[in-house]
Amino acid sequence: MTGRRPLREAPTVPSASERKNFDTSFETLPAFQQMVMQRMIGDQLGMENPYYRVHEARAGASSLIDGQPILNFASYDYLGLNGDPRITEAVHQAAARWGTSVSASRLTAGEREAHRELEAALADLYQAEDAIVFVSGHATAVSTIAALLEPTDLILHDALIHNCIVAGALMSGAVRRSFPHNDMNALEDLLRSERGRYKRVLIATEGLFSMDGDGPDLARIVELKNRYGCWLMVDDAHGLGVLGQTGRGIFEQANVDPGEVDIWLGTLSKSLVSCGGYVAGSKPLVDLLKCVAPGFVYSVGMPVPAAVAATTALRIMLAEPERVQRLQQNGARLYKKAQDCGLNTGESWGFGVTPVIIGDTLRTLMLAQRLLKRGINAFPVLPPGVPEATARLRFFVSAEHSFDQIDTAIAATREEADKLAEEDYGMHALPRLLSAKASGLAG
């Protein structure tokens, strides 16, 4: 037997009775069962599913849903550039020359000049050494954090940070701590107590928070990151095109040198009316990401038409700052009208996004449905997307909206919210409402 490999036992195949105990049904997942229950309750109350509605026209300041013209406050087209003939013509030419896909990752399929032009334009915007674009905005953050941080590092992020930052932190294995929303004193307390225990520390915040419409004290965060020796990442996806006199974002709004931020993160799907994400920063940072960021190395490169759309939109934004100013005027109008009629706008700055916080989940859903019947599309955001008891409608404003459209939407929101209060629609009334609905069905 010397020199011979030992015989391995044959693998055991589960018996039929054992297989009956194995859970292979997606329907048994708790999340699936919860989803079914929510839909049943919605059906009993006569509520329509507010998600995945089909738009039958370009979704700008207005759109078309189920054949009904609507005022649209649920799109990120802040500067009204989606469908701009200059952009569509550039995209048409790019598609005719390059096709609709680069067919593999840029690592293997090679570069296209459009990629480099977009990255150069973004680097110039942030006065950075270089930039890199990803085919997915969410993957941009996840891949960047996963590439930079290790289990010996610490990530400190705003409690209301976007999911992509949290997902990246989990993937990296780094220790994660959150600080209360925009609370710089709490951030400093964490740095004072925790900084010395970790090799590297990343502070992450947003330039304009998409759920609340407010932003951080950027100058204070920069001071803290310099004093405690940290990296600073700013996700300015909703700030680009919205904040600052020319739309350059939170650094222009706060009058802070963009070079003080180590990692500028953003998406191309909002003001730049394309798809994908980007990072701008130092040359070593970008070089590293191009070699090891999984969402870049193992993902297809951005289609040339998408890159051309973003580059063209960025150039138009910088050449036509009046678009940014119109957007800001519209945002201020909506914010003031909401405030004047007693709607809860939270801590919003009144720029591109303003929430109308209802609190109760059921009432928020009913309010969105009733507004849509009146031709106004404002999207309901519910827990866990926002903290408990802060369900809200989010109003995204465009440079294309008129004051009359804004005034109409806010007046209707106030009217319908008052009606729901009178009818006692709310989660506390849910058992009674279901019982009444069931009685009506039985009758």
Foldseek 3Di string as FASTA:
>chain_A
DPPDDDDDDDDDDDDPVVVVPDDDDPCPDPVNVVVVVVVVLCVLLVFDDLPPFDWPAPDDCWTAGPNDIFREQDAQQALRCQVPVVLVVLLVVLCVVPNFFLPFFCVPSNDDVLQQLLFVLLQVLQVAPTKHWFQAQLLVQLLLLLLPAAQLEEEEEAPLDDPSNVNSCVNNNHHYDYFYHQPLVRVLVCLVVPLVRGDAYEYEYEQARQVQQDGHLVVSVLVSCVVSVHAYEYEDASQQLWAALLRSGNCRNNVHRSLSHAWYKYFCCHNLPAHTIMIGHYPVSVVSCCPGRCSRNGHTHHTSSRSSSSSVSSVVSNVCSVSNVLQQVLQQLLVVLLVVLPFDQDPRPRIFKTKRWPQFPQLQSVLQRVVVVVRYHWDWDAPPSPDHSGITTMGGTHSPDDSVSSNVSSVSSSVSSVVCVVVVGGPVCSVVSSVVSVVVVVD
